[in-house]
């Protein structure tokens, strides 16, 4: 499953559309999740504990190197342009 929580208008941008097409090609179900502002670390931890994902990939963050300590072994960090091996 892929949770999308950004403004829906971004979906029309070519780079976002390319990524979302890839998400679909991987067989992931995409769900739009409305958020208001940026979630706290505690809110993100609760989300991860409830969903129990196999992989969590931090995107659009300044502190991705801290995520494994905050969220556990499901964290996978990628460099810009790096592809995820499934």
PDB file of N, CA and C in Angstrom:
ATOM      1  N   UNK A   1       0.840  -1.171   0.000  1.00  0.00           N
ATOM      2  CA  UNK A   1       0.000   0.000   0.000  1.00  0.00           C
ATOM      3  C   UNK A   1       0.888   1.238   0.000  1.00  0.00           C
ATOM      4  N   UNK A   2       0.468   2.243  -0.716  1.00  0.00           N
ATOM      5  CA  UNK A   2       1.170   3.521  -0.756  1.00  0.00           C
ATOM      6  C   UNK A   2       0.208   4.584  -0.271  1.00  0.00           C
ATOM      7  N   UNK A   3       0.608   5.310   0.780  1.00  0.00           N
ATOM      8  CA  UNK A   3      -0.219   6.390   1.320  1.00  0.00           C
ATOM      9  C   UNK A   3       0.248   7.711   0.737  1.00  0.00           C
ATOM     10  N   UNK A   4      -0.669   8.414   0.083  1.00  0.00           N
ATOM     11  CA  UNK A   4      -0.371   9.707  -0.538  1.00  0.00           C
ATOM     12  C   UNK A   4      -1.036  10.786   0.300  1.00  0.00           C
ATOM     13  N   UNK A   5      -0.223  11.697   0.853  1.00  0.00           N
ATOM     14  CA  UNK A   5      -0.804  12.707   1.751  1.00  0.00           C
ATOM     15  C   UNK A   5      -0.418  14.131   1.353  1.00  0.00           C
ATOM     16  N   UNK A   6      -0.152  14.322   0.061  1.00  0.00           N
ATOM     17  CA  UNK A   6       0.160  15.671  -0.419  1.00  0.00           C
ATOM     18  C   UNK A   6      -1.039  16.221  -1.191  1.00  0.00           C
ATOM     19  N   UNK A   7      -0.943  17.480  -1.553  1.00  0.00           N
ATOM     20  CA  UNK A   7      -1.982  18.127  -2.345  1.00  0.00           C
ATOM     21  C   UNK A   7      -2.224  17.327  -3.620  1.00  0.00           C
ATOM     22  N   UNK A   8      -3.474  17.062  -3.947  1.00  0.00           N
ATOM     23  CA  UNK A   8      -3.794  16.215  -5.090  1.00  0.00           C
ATOM     24  C   UNK A   8      -3.349  16.817  -6.424  1.00  0.00           C
ATOM     25  N   UNK A   9      -3.207  18.126  -6.495  1.00  0.00           N
ATOM     26  CA  UNK A   9      -2.752  18.770  -7.722  1.00  0.00           C
ATOM     27  C   UNK A   9      -1.353  18.352  -8.144  1.00  0.00           C
ATOM     28  N   UNK A  10      -0.526  17.919  -7.178  1.00  0.00           N
ATOM     29  CA  UNK A  10       0.823  17.451  -7.512  1.00  0.00           C
ATOM     30  C   UNK A  10       0.791  16.194  -8.382  1.00  0.00           C
ATOM     31  N   UNK A  11      -0.302  15.458  -8.317  1.00  0.00           N
ATOM     32  CA  UNK A  11      -0.403  14.221  -9.093  1.00  0.00           C
ATOM     33  C   UNK A  11      -0.323  14.481 -10.597  1.00  0.00           C
ATOM     34  N   UNK A  12      -0.582  15.704 -11.028  1.00  0.00           N
ATOM     35  CA  UNK A  12      -0.555  16.043 -12.454  1.00  0.00           C
ATOM     36  C   UNK A  12       0.840  16.442 -12.930  1.00  0.00           C
ATOM     37  N   UNK A  13       1.756  16.684 -12.001  1.00  0.00           N
ATOM     38  CA  UNK A  13       3.119  17.031 -12.394  1.00  0.00           C
ATOM     39  C   UNK A  13       3.780  15.800 -13.015  1.00  0.00           C
ATOM     40  N   UNK A  14       4.517  15.971 -14.119  1.00  0.00           N
ATOM     41  CA  UNK A  14       5.102  14.813 -14.806  1.00  0.00           C
ATOM     42  C   UNK A  14       5.948  13.907 -13.912  1.00  0.00           C
ATOM     43  N   UNK A  15       6.787  14.487 -13.049  1.00  0.00           N
ATOM     44  CA  UNK A  15       7.642  13.652 -12.208  1.00  0.00           C
ATOM     45  C   UNK A  15       6.834  12.882 -11.167  1.00  0.00           C
ATOM     46  N   UNK A  16       5.772  13.494 -10.644  1.00  0.00           N
ATOM     47  CA  UNK A  16       4.913  12.801  -9.677  1.00  0.00           C
ATOM     48  C   UNK A  16       4.111  11.721 -10.381  1.00  0.00           C
ATOM     49  N   UNK A  17       3.576  12.050 -11.542  1.00  0.00           N
ATOM     50  CA  UNK A  17       2.805  11.072 -12.309  1.00  0.00           C
ATOM     51  C   UNK A  17       3.668   9.854 -12.640  1.00  0.00           C
ATOM     52  N   UNK A  18       4.915  10.083 -13.028  1.00  0.00           N
ATOM     53  CA  UNK A  18       5.824   8.973 -13.335  1.00  0.00           C
ATOM     54  C   UNK A  18       6.000   8.075 -12.104  1.00  0.00           C
ATOM     55  N   UNK A  19       6.207   8.699 -10.946  1.00  0.00           N
ATOM     56  CA  UNK A  19       6.379   7.925  -9.711  1.00  0.00           C
ATOM     57  C   UNK A  19       5.107   7.161  -9.367  1.00  0.00           C
ATOM     58  N   UNK A  20       3.940   7.806  -9.466  1.00  0.00           N
ATOM     59  CA  UNK A  20       2.692   7.137  -9.119  1.00  0.00           C
ATOM     60  C   UNK A  20       2.366   6.012 -10.102  1.00  0.00           C
ATOM     61  N   UNK A  21       2.758   6.172 -11.363  1.00  0.00           N
ATOM     62  CA  UNK A  21       2.616   5.081 -12.332  1.00  0.00           C
ATOM     63  C   UNK A  21       3.475   3.893 -11.902  1.00  0.00           C
ATOM     64  N   UNK A  22       4.695   4.172 -11.419  1.00  0.00           N
ATOM     65  CA  UNK A  22       5.579   3.116 -10.936  1.00  0.00           C
ATOM     66  C   UNK A  22       4.950   2.404  -9.736  1.00  0.00           C
ATOM     67  N   UNK A  23       4.375   3.173  -8.819  1.00  0.00           N
ATOM     68  CA  UNK A  23       3.704   2.599  -7.645  1.00  0.00           C
ATOM     69  C   UNK A  23       2.638   1.608  -8.111  1.00  0.00           C
ATOM     70  N   UNK A  24       1.849   2.014  -9.095  1.00  0.00           N
ATOM     71  CA  UNK A  24       0.792   1.149  -9.616  1.00  0.00           C
ATOM     72  C   UNK A  24       1.381  -0.106 -10.284  1.00  0.00           C
ATOM     73  N   UNK A  25       2.459   0.068 -11.055  1.00  0.00           N
ATOM     74  CA  UNK A  25       3.112  -1.066 -11.727  1.00  0.00           C
ATOM     75  C   UNK A  25       3.613  -2.102 -10.721  1.00  0.00           C
ATOM     76  N   UNK A  26       3.969  -1.657  -9.526  1.00  0.00           N
ATOM     77  CA  UNK A  26       4.456  -2.568  -8.487  1.00  0.00           C
ATOM     78  C   UNK A  26       3.322  -3.309  -7.791  1.00  0.00           C
ATOM     79  N   UNK A  27       2.097  -2.993  -8.173  1.00  0.00           N
ATOM     80  CA  UNK A  27       0.948  -3.667  -7.581  1.00  0.00           C
ATOM     81  C   UNK A  27       0.510  -3.084  -6.251  1.00  0.00           C
ATOM     82  N   UNK A  28       1.020  -1.906  -5.928  1.00  0.00           N
ATOM     83  CA  UNK A  28       0.633  -1.274  -4.665  1.00  0.00           C
ATOM     84  C   UNK A  28      -0.731  -0.600  -4.816  1.00  0.00           C
ATOM     85  N   UNK A  29      -1.504  -0.667  -3.769  1.00  0.00           N
ATOM     86  CA  UNK A  29      -2.758   0.068  -3.703  1.00  0.00           C
ATOM     87  C   UNK A  29      -2.440   1.450  -3.164  1.00  0.00           C
ATOM     88  N   UNK A  30      -2.930   2.488  -3.837  1.00  0.00           N
ATOM     89  CA  UNK A  30      -2.669   3.849  -3.360  1.00  0.00           C
ATOM     90  C   UNK A  30      -3.909   4.370  -2.643  1.00  0.00           C
ATOM     91  N   UNK A  31      -3.685   4.963  -1.506  1.00  0.00           N
ATOM     92  CA  UNK A  31      -4.752   5.587  -0.729  1.00  0.00           C
ATOM     93  C   UNK A  31      -4.382   7.035  -0.466  1.00  0.00           C
ATOM     94  N   UNK A  32      -5.332   7.920  -0.714  1.00  0.00           N
ATOM     95  CA  UNK A  32      -5.158   9.322  -0.361  1.00  0.00           C
ATOM     96  C   UNK A  32      -5.506   9.475   1.110  1.00  0.00           C
ATOM     97  N   UNK A  33      -4.599  10.089   1.859  1.00  0.00           N
ATOM     98  CA  UNK A  33      -4.803  10.308   3.287  1.00  0.00           C
ATOM     99  C   UNK A  33      -4.679  11.802   3.532  1.00  0.00           C
ATOM    100  N   UNK A  34      -5.772  12.430   3.927  1.00  0.00           N
ATOM    101  CA  UNK A  34      -5.737  13.869   4.176  1.00  0.00           C
ATOM    102  C   UNK A  34      -4.944  14.162   5.446  1.00  0.00           C
ATOM    103  N   UNK A  35      -4.025  15.095   5.331  1.00  0.00           N
ATOM    104  CA  UNK A  35      -3.296  15.561   6.508  1.00  0.00           C
ATOM    105  C   UNK A  35      -3.384  17.073   6.551  1.00  0.00           C
ATOM    106  N   UNK A  36      -3.254  17.607   7.696  1.00  0.00           N
ATOM    107  CA  UNK A  36      -3.270  19.046   7.875  1.00  0.00           C
ATOM    108  C   UNK A  36      -1.932  19.449   8.462  1.00  0.00           C
ATOM    109  N   UNK A  37      -1.053  19.952   7.632  1.00  0.00           N
ATOM    110  CA  UNK A  37       0.264  20.347   8.107  1.00  0.00           C
ATOM    111  C   UNK A  37       1.187  19.152   8.198  1.00  0.00           C
ATOM    112  N   UNK A  38       2.255  19.296   8.948  1.00  0.00           N
ATOM    113  CA  UNK A  38       3.244  18.244   9.095  1.00  0.00           C
ATOM    114  C   UNK A  38       2.975  17.466  10.371  1.00  0.00           C
ATOM    115  N   UNK A  39       2.951  16.137  10.293  1.00  0.00           N
ATOM    116  CA  UNK A  39       2.686  15.339  11.486  1.00  0.00           C
ATOM    117  C   UNK A  39       3.883  15.361  12.439  1.00  0.00           C
ATOM    118  N   UNK A  40       3.598  15.168  13.696  1.00  0.00           N
ATOM    119  CA  UNK A  40       4.660  15.076  14.700  1.00  0.00           C
ATOM    120  C   UNK A  40       5.310  13.695  14.614  1.00  0.00           C
ATOM    121  N   UNK A  41       6.482  13.558  15.222  1.00  0.00           N
ATOM    122  CA  UNK A  41       7.154  12.260  15.282  1.00  0.00           C
ATOM    123  C   UNK A  41       6.242  11.247  15.974  1.00  0.00           C
ATOM    124  N   UNK A  42       5.589  11.653  17.032  1.00  0.00           N
ATOM    125  CA  UNK A  42       4.707  10.746  17.766  1.00  0.00           C
ATOM    126  C   UNK A  42       3.566  10.255  16.880  1.00  0.00           C
ATOM    127  N   UNK A  43       3.002  11.131  16.065  1.00  0.00           N
ATOM    128  CA  UNK A  43       1.918  10.741  15.160  1.00  0.00           C
ATOM    129  C   UNK A  43       2.428   9.750  14.118  1.00  0.00           C
ATOM    130  N   UNK A  44       3.609   9.999  13.569  1.00  0.00           N
ATOM    131  CA  UNK A  44       4.189   9.083  12.591  1.00  0.00           C
ATOM    132  C   UNK A  44       4.502   7.724  13.223  1.00  0.00           C
ATOM    133  N   UNK A  45       5.006   7.733  14.454  1.00  0.00           N
ATOM    134  CA  UNK A  45       5.286   6.473  15.153  1.00  0.00           C
ATOM    135  C   UNK A  45       4.000   5.673  15.371  1.00  0.00           C
ATOM    136  N   UNK A  46       2.930   6.361  15.726  1.00  0.00           N
ATOM    137  CA  UNK A  46       1.645   5.681  15.913  1.00  0.00           C
ATOM    138  C   UNK A  46       1.170   5.081  14.593  1.00  0.00           C
ATOM    139  N   UNK A  47       1.309   5.813  13.503  1.00  0.00           N
ATOM    140  CA  UNK A  47       0.911   5.320  12.189  1.00  0.00           C
ATOM    141  C   UNK A  47       1.682   4.046  11.838  1.00  0.00           C
ATOM    142  N   UNK A  48       2.997   4.076  12.025  1.00  0.00           N
ATOM    143  CA  UNK A  48       3.830   2.907  11.720  1.00  0.00           C
ATOM    144  C   UNK A  48       3.461   1.730  12.618  1.00  0.00           C
ATOM    145  N   UNK A  49       3.190   1.997  13.889  1.00  0.00           N
ATOM    146  CA  UNK A  49       2.859   0.892  14.805  1.00  0.00           C
ATOM    147  C   UNK A  49       1.513   0.261  14.463  1.00  0.00           C
ATOM    148  N   UNK A  50       0.590   1.045  13.923  1.00  0.00           N
ATOM    149  CA  UNK A  50      -0.723   0.514  13.559  1.00  0.00           C
ATOM    150  C   UNK A  50      -0.663  -0.237  12.231  1.00  0.00           C
ATOM    151  N   UNK A  51       0.028   0.332  11.250  1.00  0.00           N
ATOM    152  CA  UNK A  51       0.081  -0.273   9.915  1.00  0.00           C
ATOM    153  C   UNK A  51       1.032  -1.458   9.857  1.00  0.00           C
ATOM    154  N   UNK A  52       2.121  -1.403  10.626  1.00  0.00           N
ATOM    155  CA  UNK A  52       3.151  -2.456  10.637  1.00  0.00           C
ATOM    156  C   UNK A  52       3.671  -2.758   9.224  1.00  0.00           C
ATOM    157  N   UNK A  53       4.223  -1.741   8.555  1.00  0.00           N
ATOM    158  CA  UNK A  53       4.682  -1.940   7.179  1.00  0.00           C
ATOM    159  C   UNK A  53       5.935  -2.805   7.085  1.00  0.00           C
ATOM    160  N   UNK A  54       6.086  -3.480   5.944  1.00  0.00           N
ATOM    161  CA  UNK A  54       7.322  -4.235   5.692  1.00  0.00           C
ATOM    162  C   UNK A  54       8.451  -3.270   5.390  1.00  0.00           C
ATOM    163  N   UNK A  55       8.125  -2.167   4.710  1.00  0.00           N
ATOM    164  CA  UNK A  55       9.114  -1.136   4.385  1.00  0.00           C
ATOM    165  C   UNK A  55       8.500   0.232   4.623  1.00  0.00           C
ATOM    166  N   UNK A  56       9.295   1.127   5.172  1.00  0.00           N
ATOM    167  CA  UNK A  56       8.908   2.521   5.325  1.00  0.00           C
ATOM    168  C   UNK A  56      10.031   3.344   4.706  1.00  0.00           C
ATOM    169  N   UNK A  57       9.681   4.177   3.733  1.00  0.00           N
ATOM    170  CA  UNK A  57      10.686   4.965   3.031  1.00  0.00           C
ATOM    171  C   UNK A  57      10.427   6.437   3.302  1.00  0.00           C
ATOM    172  N   UNK A  58      11.306   7.072   4.079  1.00  0.00           N
ATOM    173  CA  UNK A  58      11.118   8.496   4.345  1.00  0.00           C
ATOM    174  C   UNK A  58      11.364   9.320   3.074  1.00  0.00           C
ATOM    175  N   UNK A  59      10.413  10.191   2.771  1.00  0.00           N
ATOM    176  CA  UNK A  59      10.506  11.071   1.606  1.00  0.00           C
ATOM    177  C   UNK A  59      10.257  12.492   2.089  1.00  0.00           C
ATOM    178  N   UNK A  60      11.020  13.410   1.543  1.00  0.00           N
ATOM    179  CA  UNK A  60      10.841  14.835   1.863  1.00  0.00           C
ATOM    180  C   UNK A  60      11.070  15.082   3.358  1.00  0.00           C
ATOM    181  N   UNK A  61      12.260  14.738   3.796  1.00  0.00           N
ATOM    182  CA  UNK A  61      12.615  14.941   5.198  1.00  0.00           C
ATOM    183  C   UNK A  61      14.061  15.407   5.288  1.00  0.00           C
ATOM    184  N   UNK A  62      14.366  16.146   6.314  1.00  0.00           N
ATOM    185  CA  UNK A  62      15.725  16.624   6.524  1.00  0.00           C
ATOM    186  C   UNK A  62      16.549  15.674   7.380  1.00  0.00           C
ATOM    187  N   UNK A  63      15.894  14.718   8.048  1.00  0.00           N
ATOM    188  CA  UNK A  63      16.575  13.882   9.033  1.00  0.00           C
ATOM    189  C   UNK A  63      16.314  12.397   8.799  1.00  0.00           C
ATOM    190  N   UNK A  64      16.421  11.950   7.561  1.00  0.00           N
ATOM    191  CA  UNK A  64      16.118  10.550   7.264  1.00  0.00           C
ATOM    192  C   UNK A  64      17.051   9.584   7.978  1.00  0.00           C
ATOM    193  N   UNK A  65      18.273  10.039   8.323  1.00  0.00           N
ATOM    194  CA  UNK A  65      19.219   9.155   9.024  1.00  0.00           C
ATOM    195  C   UNK A  65      18.759   8.839  10.451  1.00  0.00           C
ATOM    196  N   UNK A  66      17.804   9.562  10.980  1.00  0.00           N
ATOM    197  CA  UNK A  66      17.294   9.313  12.331  1.00  0.00           C
ATOM    198  C   UNK A  66      16.094   8.359  12.340  1.00  0.00           C
ATOM    199  N   UNK A  67      15.547   8.070  11.175  1.00  0.00           N
ATOM    200  CA  UNK A  67      14.292   7.313  11.110  1.00  0.00           C
ATOM    201  C   UNK A  67      14.405   5.896  11.648  1.00  0.00           C
ATOM    202  N   UNK A  68      15.506   5.196  11.393  1.00  0.00           N
ATOM    203  CA  UNK A  68      15.626   3.811  11.862  1.00  0.00           C
ATOM    204  C   UNK A  68      15.539   3.768  13.391  1.00  0.00           C
ATOM    205  N   UNK A  69      16.166   4.722  14.073  1.00  0.00           N
ATOM    206  CA  UNK A  69      16.094   4.754  15.538  1.00  0.00           C
ATOM    207  C   UNK A  69      14.690   5.102  16.020  1.00  0.00           C
ATOM    208  N   UNK A  70      13.973   5.904  15.246  1.00  0.00           N
ATOM    209  CA  UNK A  70      12.633   6.340  15.647  1.00  0.00           C
ATOM    210  C   UNK A  70      11.543   5.335  15.286  1.00  0.00           C
ATOM    211  N   UNK A  71      11.732   4.608  14.166  1.00  0.00           N
ATOM    212  CA  UNK A  71      10.648   3.787  13.639  1.00  0.00           C
ATOM    213  C   UNK A  71      10.980   2.315  13.468  1.00  0.00           C
ATOM    214  N   UNK A  72      12.227   1.923  13.680  1.00  0.00           N
ATOM    215  CA  UNK A  72      12.566   0.513  13.633  1.00  0.00           C
ATOM    216  C   UNK A  72      13.111   0.026  12.307  1.00  0.00           C
ATOM    217  N   UNK A  73      13.211  -1.293  12.183  1.00  0.00           N
ATOM    218  CA  UNK A  73      13.918  -1.911  11.062  1.00  0.00           C
ATOM    219  C   UNK A  73      13.206  -1.830   9.717  1.00  0.00           C
ATOM    220  N   UNK A  74      11.955  -1.385   9.670  1.00  0.00           N
ATOM    221  CA  UNK A  74      11.262  -1.308   8.382  1.00  0.00           C
ATOM    222  C   UNK A  74      11.763  -0.138   7.526  1.00  0.00           C
ATOM    223  N   UNK A  75      12.592   0.728   8.098  1.00  0.00           N
ATOM    224  CA  UNK A  75      13.056   1.919   7.381  1.00  0.00           C
ATOM    225  C   UNK A  75      14.048   1.552   6.290  1.00  0.00           C
ATOM    226  N   UNK A  76      13.792   2.067   5.095  1.00  0.00           N
ATOM    227  CA  UNK A  76      14.688   1.931   3.955  1.00  0.00           C
ATOM    228  C   UNK A  76      14.964   3.345   3.457  1.00  0.00           C
ATOM    229  N   UNK A  77      16.222   3.742   3.438  1.00  0.00           N
ATOM    230  CA  UNK A  77      16.554   5.069   2.930  1.00  0.00           C
ATOM    231  C   UNK A  77      17.159   4.946   1.544  1.00  0.00           C
ATOM    232  N   UNK A  78      16.768   5.847   0.670  1.00  0.00           N
ATOM    233  CA  UNK A  78      17.235   5.873  -0.705  1.00  0.00           C
ATOM    234  C   UNK A  78      17.795   7.244  -1.023  1.00  0.00           C
ATOM    235  N   UNK A  79      18.795   7.284  -1.886  1.00  0.00           N
ATOM    236  CA  UNK A  79      19.323   8.552  -2.396  1.00  0.00           C
ATOM    237  C   UNK A  79      18.399   9.025  -3.508  1.00  0.00           C
ATOM    238  N   UNK A  80      18.391  10.324  -3.798  1.00  0.00           N
ATOM    239  CA  UNK A  80      17.595  10.845  -4.909  1.00  0.00           C
ATOM    240  C   UNK A  80      17.959  10.080  -6.181  1.00  0.00           C
ATOM    241  N   UNK A  81      16.951   9.577  -6.854  1.00  0.00           N
ATOM    242  CA  UNK A  81      17.150   8.843  -8.092  1.00  0.00           C
ATOM    243  C   UNK A  81      17.456   7.364  -7.913  1.00  0.00           C
ATOM    244  N   UNK A  82      17.722   6.939  -6.681  1.00  0.00           N
ATOM    245  CA  UNK A  82      18.026   5.532  -6.432  1.00  0.00           C
ATOM    246  C   UNK A  82      16.745   4.708  -6.502  1.00  0.00           C
ATOM    247  N   UNK A  83      16.815   3.563  -7.146  1.00  0.00           N
ATOM    248  CA  UNK A  83      15.655   2.696  -7.286  1.00  0.00           C
ATOM    249  C   UNK A  83      15.599   1.683  -6.159  1.00  0.00           C
ATOM    250  N   UNK A  84      14.398   1.351  -5.761  1.00  0.00           N
ATOM    251  CA  UNK A  84      14.179   0.353  -4.716  1.00  0.00           C
ATOM    252  C   UNK A  84      14.133  -1.019  -5.354  1.00  0.00           C
ATOM    253  N   UNK A  85      14.938  -1.923  -4.844  1.00  0.00           N
ATOM    254  CA  UNK A  85      14.901  -3.317  -5.277  1.00  0.00           C
ATOM    255  C   UNK A  85      13.836  -4.037  -4.474  1.00  0.00           C
ATOM    256  N   UNK A  86      12.817  -4.562  -5.141  1.00  0.00           N
ATOM    257  CA  UNK A  86      11.722  -5.249  -4.434  1.00  0.00           C
ATOM    258  C   UNK A  86      11.987  -6.718  -4.307  1.00  0.00           C
TER     259      UNK A  86
END
